[in-house]
């Protein structure tokens, strides 16, 4: 996990999505990301949009095209992909679910499902701190075909 941008606490470090992509787009290409953005034209000061993407560069670029570059990025964090041959949740999915759970524990009001959050950046920062303390998802190796066959009974012993 690498935090590339965090401007939640004071809001002074926020950047316009299009400008940020020009400078840092290569850092999120083919990466899983968790992001917090705020479209300027449709939201008031306390509405943030949070989400995850398994293709970070494309998602942020889509926001900048959709809102005509009027999107401020407040937080971006990259995640490693789950390794081949492992089962369990992707780390970015686990992080987003844990973060939303922590916001709900803090009784933060959500707008439009779990997409938009109506609260201050300070509260969002506190929820992030709680989420970091939860740890990583548990991954177990997938069973190979040989392992599965060893545990299966022959067809005549199944009945």
N, C-alpha and C. Protein backbone atom coordinates (compact mmCIF):
# COMPACT_ATOMS: atom_id res chain seq x y z
N UNK A 1 0.84 -1.18 0.00
CA UNK A 1 0.00 0.00 0.00
C UNK A 1 0.89 1.24 0.00
N UNK A 2 0.60 2.11 -0.92
CA UNK A 2 1.34 3.36 -1.01
C UNK A 2 0.34 4.49 -1.13
N UNK A 3 0.40 5.45 -0.20
CA UNK A 3 -0.47 6.62 -0.27
C UNK A 3 0.23 7.64 -1.17
N UNK A 4 -0.40 7.97 -2.29
CA UNK A 4 0.19 8.91 -3.23
C UNK A 4 -0.23 10.35 -2.97
N UNK A 5 -1.41 10.53 -2.37
CA UNK A 5 -1.91 11.88 -2.11
C UNK A 5 -2.86 11.82 -0.93
N UNK A 6 -2.67 12.71 0.03
CA UNK A 6 -3.59 12.81 1.17
C UNK A 6 -3.77 14.28 1.52
N UNK A 7 -4.92 14.83 1.16
CA UNK A 7 -5.23 16.23 1.45
C UNK A 7 -6.54 16.32 2.20
N UNK A 8 -6.91 15.28 2.95
CA UNK A 8 -8.20 15.28 3.62
C UNK A 8 -8.25 16.23 4.81
N UNK A 9 -7.19 16.29 5.57
CA UNK A 9 -7.22 17.01 6.84
C UNK A 9 -7.43 18.50 6.66
N UNK A 10 -6.67 19.11 5.78
CA UNK A 10 -6.79 20.56 5.61
C UNK A 10 -7.39 20.96 4.26
N UNK A 11 -7.36 20.08 3.28
CA UNK A 11 -7.92 20.38 1.97
C UNK A 11 -7.03 21.25 1.11
N UNK A 12 -5.89 21.69 1.64
CA UNK A 12 -5.02 22.59 0.88
C UNK A 12 -4.19 21.85 -0.16
N UNK A 13 -3.99 20.55 0.03
CA UNK A 13 -3.17 19.79 -0.91
C UNK A 13 -3.97 19.16 -2.03
N UNK A 14 -5.25 19.48 -2.10
CA UNK A 14 -6.08 18.89 -3.16
C UNK A 14 -5.59 19.35 -4.52
N UNK A 15 -5.80 18.51 -5.51
CA UNK A 15 -5.34 18.83 -6.85
C UNK A 15 -6.46 18.53 -7.85
N UNK A 16 -6.39 19.17 -8.98
CA UNK A 16 -7.34 18.91 -10.07
C UNK A 16 -6.91 17.60 -10.74
N UNK A 17 -7.89 16.74 -11.01
CA UNK A 17 -7.60 15.40 -11.51
C UNK A 17 -6.77 15.41 -12.79
N UNK A 18 -7.11 16.27 -13.73
CA UNK A 18 -6.41 16.29 -15.02
C UNK A 18 -4.94 16.66 -14.83
N UNK A 19 -4.66 17.63 -13.98
CA UNK A 19 -3.28 18.04 -13.71
C UNK A 19 -2.50 16.92 -13.02
N UNK A 20 -3.15 16.26 -12.07
CA UNK A 20 -2.49 15.19 -11.31
C UNK A 20 -2.16 14.02 -12.23
N UNK A 21 -3.06 13.70 -13.16
CA UNK A 21 -2.81 12.58 -14.08
C UNK A 21 -1.63 12.85 -15.00
N UNK A 22 -1.46 14.10 -15.42
CA UNK A 22 -0.33 14.44 -16.30
C UNK A 22 0.99 14.18 -15.57
N UNK A 23 1.06 14.57 -14.30
CA UNK A 23 2.30 14.43 -13.54
C UNK A 23 2.50 13.02 -12.98
N UNK A 24 1.43 12.38 -12.50
CA UNK A 24 1.57 11.13 -11.75
C UNK A 24 0.81 9.94 -12.33
N UNK A 25 0.30 10.06 -13.53
CA UNK A 25 -0.51 8.99 -14.11
C UNK A 25 0.21 7.66 -14.22
N UNK A 26 1.51 7.70 -14.45
CA UNK A 26 2.26 6.44 -14.59
C UNK A 26 2.32 5.66 -13.28
N UNK A 27 2.15 6.32 -12.15
CA UNK A 27 2.22 5.64 -10.85
C UNK A 27 0.98 4.79 -10.57
N UNK A 28 -0.13 5.07 -11.26
CA UNK A 28 -1.35 4.30 -10.99
C UNK A 28 -1.79 3.46 -12.20
N UNK A 29 -0.99 3.43 -13.24
CA UNK A 29 -1.33 2.57 -14.38
C UNK A 29 -1.26 1.12 -13.96
N UNK A 30 -2.28 0.35 -14.32
CA UNK A 30 -2.36 -1.08 -14.00
C UNK A 30 -2.25 -1.35 -12.49
N UNK A 31 -2.75 -0.45 -11.69
CA UNK A 31 -2.75 -0.63 -10.23
C UNK A 31 -4.18 -0.60 -9.72
N UNK A 32 -4.39 -1.25 -8.60
CA UNK A 32 -5.66 -1.13 -7.89
C UNK A 32 -5.54 0.09 -6.99
N UNK A 33 -6.57 0.95 -6.99
CA UNK A 33 -6.50 2.15 -6.17
C UNK A 33 -7.78 2.33 -5.36
N UNK A 34 -7.64 3.02 -4.24
CA UNK A 34 -8.76 3.53 -3.46
C UNK A 34 -8.63 5.04 -3.54
N UNK A 35 -9.74 5.73 -3.81
CA UNK A 35 -9.66 7.17 -4.03
C UNK A 35 -10.80 7.89 -3.33
N UNK A 36 -10.56 9.15 -3.02
CA UNK A 36 -11.60 10.05 -2.52
C UNK A 36 -11.49 11.32 -3.36
N UNK A 37 -12.57 11.65 -4.06
CA UNK A 37 -12.59 12.82 -4.93
C UNK A 37 -13.81 13.66 -4.60
N UNK A 38 -13.84 14.86 -5.16
CA UNK A 38 -15.00 15.73 -5.00
C UNK A 38 -15.22 16.51 -6.29
N UNK A 39 -16.30 16.19 -7.01
CA UNK A 39 -16.64 16.99 -8.19
C UNK A 39 -17.12 18.37 -7.75
N UNK A 40 -16.53 19.40 -8.29
CA UNK A 40 -16.85 20.77 -7.84
C UNK A 40 -18.25 21.21 -8.21
N UNK A 41 -18.74 20.80 -9.36
CA UNK A 41 -19.98 21.39 -9.84
C UNK A 41 -21.25 20.78 -9.26
N UNK A 42 -21.22 19.53 -8.76
CA UNK A 42 -22.47 18.92 -8.29
C UNK A 42 -22.54 18.76 -6.77
N UNK A 43 -21.45 18.99 -6.10
CA UNK A 43 -21.44 18.73 -4.65
C UNK A 43 -21.13 20.00 -3.87
N UNK A 44 -21.66 20.05 -2.68
CA UNK A 44 -21.27 21.16 -1.81
C UNK A 44 -19.96 20.81 -1.12
N UNK A 45 -19.54 21.64 -0.21
CA UNK A 45 -18.21 21.52 0.39
C UNK A 45 -18.03 20.20 1.14
N UNK A 46 -19.09 19.67 1.73
CA UNK A 46 -18.93 18.50 2.58
C UNK A 46 -19.28 17.17 1.91
N UNK A 47 -19.42 17.14 0.62
CA UNK A 47 -19.70 15.88 -0.07
C UNK A 47 -18.43 15.35 -0.73
N UNK A 48 -18.07 14.12 -0.39
CA UNK A 48 -16.93 13.47 -1.01
C UNK A 48 -17.41 12.20 -1.69
N UNK A 49 -16.79 11.83 -2.78
CA UNK A 49 -17.07 10.58 -3.47
C UNK A 49 -15.92 9.64 -3.19
N UNK A 50 -16.22 8.46 -2.66
CA UNK A 50 -15.15 7.51 -2.43
C UNK A 50 -15.41 6.26 -3.24
N UNK A 51 -14.34 5.58 -3.59
CA UNK A 51 -14.49 4.39 -4.40
C UNK A 51 -13.17 3.67 -4.60
N UNK A 52 -13.27 2.58 -5.32
CA UNK A 52 -12.09 1.78 -5.64
C UNK A 52 -12.10 1.50 -7.13
N UNK A 53 -10.95 1.15 -7.64
CA UNK A 53 -10.87 0.80 -9.05
C UNK A 53 -9.75 -0.20 -9.23
N UNK A 54 -9.98 -1.17 -10.10
CA UNK A 54 -8.95 -2.14 -10.43
C UNK A 54 -8.11 -1.68 -11.61
N UNK A 55 -8.45 -0.53 -12.15
CA UNK A 55 -7.67 0.10 -13.21
C UNK A 55 -7.63 1.59 -12.91
N UNK A 56 -6.72 1.98 -12.04
CA UNK A 56 -6.71 3.31 -11.47
C UNK A 56 -6.63 4.46 -12.44
N UNK A 57 -5.72 4.40 -13.40
CA UNK A 57 -5.53 5.49 -14.33
C UNK A 57 -6.80 5.77 -15.12
N UNK A 58 -7.44 4.69 -15.61
CA UNK A 58 -8.65 4.86 -16.42
C UNK A 58 -9.79 5.48 -15.63
N UNK A 59 -9.92 5.11 -14.36
CA UNK A 59 -11.03 5.63 -13.54
C UNK A 59 -10.87 7.12 -13.28
N UNK A 60 -9.69 7.55 -12.90
CA UNK A 60 -9.46 8.97 -12.63
C UNK A 60 -9.57 9.77 -13.92
N UNK A 61 -9.10 9.22 -15.03
CA UNK A 61 -9.24 9.89 -16.32
C UNK A 61 -10.71 10.03 -16.70
N UNK A 62 -11.50 9.00 -16.41
CA UNK A 62 -12.93 9.05 -16.69
C UNK A 62 -13.59 10.17 -15.89
N UNK A 63 -13.22 10.34 -14.63
CA UNK A 63 -13.76 11.43 -13.82
C UNK A 63 -13.39 12.79 -14.41
N UNK A 64 -12.14 12.94 -14.82
CA UNK A 64 -11.73 14.25 -15.34
C UNK A 64 -12.44 14.56 -16.65
N UNK A 65 -12.75 13.54 -17.47
CA UNK A 65 -13.49 13.77 -18.71
C UNK A 65 -14.97 14.01 -18.44
N UNK A 66 -15.52 13.28 -17.49
CA UNK A 66 -16.95 13.39 -17.18
C UNK A 66 -17.31 14.76 -16.63
N UNK A 67 -16.49 15.29 -15.75
CA UNK A 67 -16.79 16.57 -15.11
C UNK A 67 -15.98 17.71 -15.70
N UNK A 68 -15.41 17.53 -16.86
CA UNK A 68 -14.65 18.58 -17.56
C UNK A 68 -13.54 19.16 -16.69
N UNK A 69 -12.75 18.31 -16.10
CA UNK A 69 -11.59 18.68 -15.28
C UNK A 69 -11.96 19.37 -13.98
N UNK A 70 -13.24 19.40 -13.63
CA UNK A 70 -13.64 20.02 -12.38
C UNK A 70 -13.76 19.00 -11.26
N UNK A 71 -12.75 18.19 -11.09
CA UNK A 71 -12.73 17.18 -10.04
C UNK A 71 -11.47 17.38 -9.22
N UNK A 72 -11.64 17.52 -7.92
CA UNK A 72 -10.51 17.61 -7.01
C UNK A 72 -10.23 16.24 -6.45
N UNK A 73 -8.97 15.84 -6.42
CA UNK A 73 -8.57 14.59 -5.79
C UNK A 73 -8.07 14.93 -4.39
N UNK A 74 -8.61 14.23 -3.40
CA UNK A 74 -8.20 14.43 -2.02
C UNK A 74 -7.33 13.29 -1.50
N UNK A 75 -7.56 12.09 -2.03
CA UNK A 75 -6.84 10.94 -1.49
C UNK A 75 -6.72 9.87 -2.56
N UNK A 76 -5.53 9.33 -2.73
CA UNK A 76 -5.30 8.19 -3.62
C UNK A 76 -4.30 7.26 -2.95
N UNK A 77 -4.65 5.99 -2.92
CA UNK A 77 -3.77 4.98 -2.36
C UNK A 77 -3.74 3.78 -3.31
N UNK A 78 -2.54 3.29 -3.61
CA UNK A 78 -2.42 2.13 -4.49
C UNK A 78 -2.28 0.86 -3.66
N UNK A 79 -2.68 -0.26 -4.24
CA UNK A 79 -2.61 -1.56 -3.58
C UNK A 79 -1.99 -2.57 -4.53
N UNK A 80 -1.29 -3.53 -3.96
CA UNK A 80 -0.78 -4.64 -4.76
C UNK A 80 -1.94 -5.56 -5.12
N UNK A 81 -1.82 -6.21 -6.25
CA UNK A 81 -2.84 -7.18 -6.63
C UNK A 81 -2.61 -8.47 -5.84
N UNK A 82 -3.69 -9.19 -5.63
CA UNK A 82 -3.57 -10.48 -4.96
C UNK A 82 -2.74 -11.40 -5.85
N UNK A 83 -1.84 -12.16 -5.25
CA UNK A 83 -0.96 -13.02 -6.01
C UNK A 83 -1.70 -14.15 -6.71
N UNK A 84 -1.11 -14.67 -7.76
CA UNK A 84 -1.69 -15.80 -8.47
C UNK A 84 -1.70 -17.02 -7.55
N UNK A 85 -2.71 -17.81 -7.68
CA UNK A 85 -2.81 -19.02 -6.88
C UNK A 85 -3.28 -18.80 -5.46
N UNK A 86 -3.81 -17.61 -5.17
CA UNK A 86 -4.33 -17.32 -3.84
C UNK A 86 -5.82 -17.03 -3.91
N UNK A 87 -6.53 -17.40 -2.88
CA UNK A 87 -7.95 -17.09 -2.82
C UNK A 87 -8.17 -15.96 -1.83
N UNK A 88 -9.37 -15.42 -1.81
CA UNK A 88 -9.69 -14.34 -0.88
C UNK A 88 -9.91 -13.04 -1.62
N UNK A 89 -10.26 -12.01 -0.86
CA UNK A 89 -10.56 -10.70 -1.44
C UNK A 89 -9.30 -10.01 -1.93
N UNK A 90 -9.49 -9.16 -2.92
CA UNK A 90 -8.41 -8.28 -3.33
C UNK A 90 -8.18 -7.29 -2.20
N UNK A 91 -6.93 -6.89 -1.93
CA UNK A 91 -6.68 -5.95 -0.84
C UNK A 91 -7.46 -4.64 -0.96
N UNK A 92 -7.65 -4.11 -2.17
CA UNK A 92 -8.37 -2.85 -2.34
C UNK A 92 -9.85 -3.03 -1.97
N UNK A 93 -10.43 -4.19 -2.28
CA UNK A 93 -11.83 -4.45 -1.92
C UNK A 93 -11.99 -4.53 -0.41
N UNK A 94 -11.06 -5.20 0.23
CA UNK A 94 -11.08 -5.33 1.69
C UNK A 94 -10.94 -3.97 2.37
N UNK A 95 -10.03 -3.15 1.84
CA UNK A 95 -9.80 -1.83 2.42
C UNK A 95 -11.05 -0.95 2.29
N UNK A 96 -11.67 -0.95 1.11
CA UNK A 96 -12.86 -0.12 0.91
C UNK A 96 -13.99 -0.56 1.83
N UNK A 97 -14.20 -1.87 1.95
CA UNK A 97 -15.26 -2.37 2.81
C UNK A 97 -15.01 -2.00 4.28
N UNK A 98 -13.76 -2.12 4.71
CA UNK A 98 -13.41 -1.75 6.08
C UNK A 98 -13.57 -0.26 6.32
N UNK A 99 -13.21 0.55 5.34
CA UNK A 99 -13.32 2.00 5.47
C UNK A 99 -14.79 2.43 5.58
N UNK A 100 -15.64 1.86 4.75
CA UNK A 100 -17.07 2.18 4.80
C UNK A 100 -17.66 1.73 6.13
N UNK A 101 -17.24 0.57 6.61
CA UNK A 101 -17.71 0.08 7.92
C UNK A 101 -17.31 1.06 9.03
N UNK A 102 -16.09 1.57 8.98
CA UNK A 102 -15.63 2.52 10.00
C UNK A 102 -16.38 3.84 9.92
N UNK A 103 -16.67 4.31 8.71
CA UNK A 103 -17.46 5.54 8.57
C UNK A 103 -18.86 5.35 9.15
N UNK A 104 -19.46 4.19 8.92
CA UNK A 104 -20.80 3.93 9.46
C UNK A 104 -20.79 3.84 10.97
N UNK A 105 -19.70 3.29 11.54
CA UNK A 105 -19.57 3.26 13.01
C UNK A 105 -19.51 4.66 13.58
N UNK A 106 -18.93 5.58 12.82
CA UNK A 106 -18.82 6.97 13.26
C UNK A 106 -20.09 7.75 12.96
N UNK A 107 -21.11 7.07 12.43
CA UNK A 107 -22.41 7.66 12.11
C UNK A 107 -22.31 8.80 11.10
N UNK A 108 -21.49 8.59 10.09
CA UNK A 108 -21.35 9.55 9.00
C UNK A 108 -22.49 9.31 8.01
N UNK A 109 -23.22 10.34 7.61
CA UNK A 109 -24.32 10.14 6.65
C UNK A 109 -23.82 9.88 5.23
N UNK A 110 -24.42 8.89 4.60
CA UNK A 110 -24.09 8.55 3.22
C UNK A 110 -25.20 9.07 2.32
N UNK A 111 -24.83 9.46 1.10
CA UNK A 111 -25.77 9.91 0.10
C UNK A 111 -25.60 8.99 -1.11
N UNK A 112 -26.71 8.56 -1.70
CA UNK A 112 -26.66 7.67 -2.87
C UNK A 112 -25.90 6.39 -2.57
N UNK A 113 -26.39 5.59 -1.66
CA UNK A 113 -25.74 4.33 -1.33
C UNK A 113 -24.48 4.58 -0.52
N UNK A 114 -23.40 3.92 -0.91
CA UNK A 114 -22.13 4.09 -0.21
C UNK A 114 -21.14 4.91 -1.04
N UNK A 115 -21.64 5.66 -2.00
CA UNK A 115 -20.75 6.41 -2.89
C UNK A 115 -20.35 7.76 -2.33
N UNK A 116 -21.34 8.57 -1.99
CA UNK A 116 -21.06 9.93 -1.52
C UNK A 116 -21.19 10.00 -0.01
N UNK A 117 -20.26 10.70 0.61
CA UNK A 117 -20.22 10.85 2.05
C UNK A 117 -20.35 12.32 2.37
N UNK A 118 -21.16 12.63 3.36
CA UNK A 118 -21.36 14.02 3.77
C UNK A 118 -20.71 14.21 5.15
N UNK A 119 -19.47 14.66 5.15
CA UNK A 119 -18.77 14.91 6.41
C UNK A 119 -17.52 15.73 6.13
N UNK A 120 -16.82 16.07 7.17
CA UNK A 120 -15.59 16.86 7.02
C UNK A 120 -14.42 15.94 6.68
N UNK A 121 -13.38 16.53 6.14
CA UNK A 121 -12.18 15.78 5.83
C UNK A 121 -11.52 15.20 7.06
N UNK A 122 -11.67 15.88 8.19
CA UNK A 122 -11.08 15.40 9.44
C UNK A 122 -11.68 14.06 9.87
N UNK A 123 -13.00 13.94 9.74
CA UNK A 123 -13.66 12.67 10.08
C UNK A 123 -13.23 11.57 9.13
N UNK A 124 -13.07 11.90 7.87
CA UNK A 124 -12.64 10.90 6.90
C UNK A 124 -11.22 10.43 7.22
N UNK A 125 -10.40 11.36 7.68
CA UNK A 125 -9.03 11.02 8.08
C UNK A 125 -9.03 10.09 9.30
N UNK A 126 -9.92 10.35 10.26
CA UNK A 126 -10.03 9.49 11.43
C UNK A 126 -10.46 8.08 11.04
N UNK A 127 -11.38 7.97 10.11
CA UNK A 127 -11.82 6.65 9.63
C UNK A 127 -10.68 5.93 8.91
N UNK A 128 -9.84 6.66 8.20
CA UNK A 128 -8.68 6.05 7.55
C UNK A 128 -7.73 5.47 8.59
N UNK A 129 -7.49 6.21 9.66
CA UNK A 129 -6.61 5.72 10.72
C UNK A 129 -7.14 4.42 11.32
N UNK A 130 -8.46 4.35 11.54
CA UNK A 130 -9.06 3.12 12.06
C UNK A 130 -8.92 1.97 11.07
N UNK A 131 -9.02 2.27 9.80
CA UNK A 131 -8.95 1.23 8.77
C UNK A 131 -7.54 0.67 8.66
N UNK A 132 -6.52 1.51 8.83
CA UNK A 132 -5.14 1.02 8.78
C UNK A 132 -4.88 0.02 9.89
N UNK A 133 -5.53 0.21 11.04
CA UNK A 133 -5.32 -0.67 12.19
C UNK A 133 -5.96 -2.04 12.01
N UNK A 134 -6.83 -2.21 11.02
CA UNK A 134 -7.55 -3.48 10.85
C UNK A 134 -6.69 -4.57 10.22
N UNK A 135 -5.60 -4.22 9.57
CA UNK A 135 -4.73 -5.23 8.97
C UNK A 135 -5.11 -5.56 7.54
N UNK A 136 -4.49 -6.60 7.03
CA UNK A 136 -4.68 -7.02 5.64
C UNK A 136 -5.62 -8.21 5.55
N UNK A 137 -6.20 -8.43 4.37
CA UNK A 137 -7.07 -9.60 4.22
C UNK A 137 -6.25 -10.88 4.28
N UNK A 138 -6.91 -11.97 4.60
CA UNK A 138 -6.25 -13.27 4.70
C UNK A 138 -6.35 -13.97 3.35
N UNK A 139 -5.22 -14.40 2.85
CA UNK A 139 -5.18 -15.12 1.58
C UNK A 139 -4.71 -16.53 1.84
N UNK A 140 -5.39 -17.49 1.26
CA UNK A 140 -4.98 -18.88 1.38
C UNK A 140 -4.67 -19.41 -0.01
N UNK A 141 -3.72 -20.35 -0.09
CA UNK A 141 -3.41 -20.92 -1.40
C UNK A 141 -4.60 -21.70 -1.95
N UNK A 142 -4.80 -21.60 -3.25
CA UNK A 142 -5.84 -22.39 -3.89
C UNK A 142 -5.42 -23.85 -3.93
N UNK A 143 -6.37 -24.74 -3.81
CA UNK A 143 -6.06 -26.16 -3.91
C UNK A 143 -5.80 -26.51 -5.36
N UNK A 144 -4.79 -27.31 -5.58
CA UNK A 144 -4.49 -27.74 -6.95
C UNK A 144 -5.39 -28.91 -7.32
N UNK A 145 -5.37 -29.28 -8.56
CA UNK A 145 -6.21 -30.38 -9.03
C UNK A 145 -5.83 -31.68 -8.33
N UNK A 146 -4.53 -31.91 -8.13
CA UNK A 146 -4.11 -33.14 -7.45
C UNK A 146 -4.60 -33.19 -6.01
N UNK A 147 -4.54 -32.05 -5.32
CA UNK A 147 -5.03 -32.01 -3.94
C UNK A 147 -6.51 -32.31 -3.88
N UNK A 148 -7.26 -31.77 -4.83
CA UNK A 148 -8.70 -32.01 -4.85
C UNK A 148 -9.01 -33.48 -5.10
N UNK A 149 -8.26 -34.08 -5.99
CA UNK A 149 -8.51 -35.49 -6.32
C UNK A 149 -8.17 -36.40 -5.15
N UNK A 150 -7.20 -36.01 -4.33
CA UNK A 150 -6.85 -36.83 -3.18
C UNK A 150 -7.97 -36.83 -2.14
N UNK A 151 -8.72 -35.73 -2.05
CA UNK A 151 -9.79 -35.63 -1.06
C UNK A 151 -11.13 -36.15 -1.56
N UNK A 152 -11.26 -36.35 -2.86
CA UNK A 152 -12.53 -36.84 -3.39
C UNK A 152 -12.61 -38.36 -3.25
N UNK A 153 -13.81 -38.84 -2.99
CA UNK A 153 -14.05 -40.28 -2.92
C UNK A 153 -14.32 -40.78 -4.33
N UNK A 154 -13.99 -42.03 -4.60
CA UNK A 154 -14.36 -42.60 -5.89
C UNK A 154 -15.89 -42.62 -6.03
N UNK A 155 -16.36 -42.64 -7.23
CA UNK A 155 -17.81 -42.52 -7.46
C UNK A 155 -18.60 -43.61 -6.78
N UNK A 156 -18.04 -44.81 -6.64
CA UNK A 156 -18.81 -45.90 -6.01
C UNK A 156 -18.88 -45.78 -4.50
N UNK A 157 -18.04 -44.94 -3.89
CA UNK A 157 -18.09 -44.77 -2.44
C UNK A 157 -18.90 -43.53 -2.03
N UNK A 158 -19.37 -42.77 -2.99
CA UNK A 158 -20.13 -41.55 -2.69
C UNK A 158 -21.54 -41.85 -2.25
N UNK A 159 -22.07 -43.00 -2.56
CA UNK A 159 -23.49 -43.30 -2.25
C UNK A 159 -23.64 -44.11 -1.00
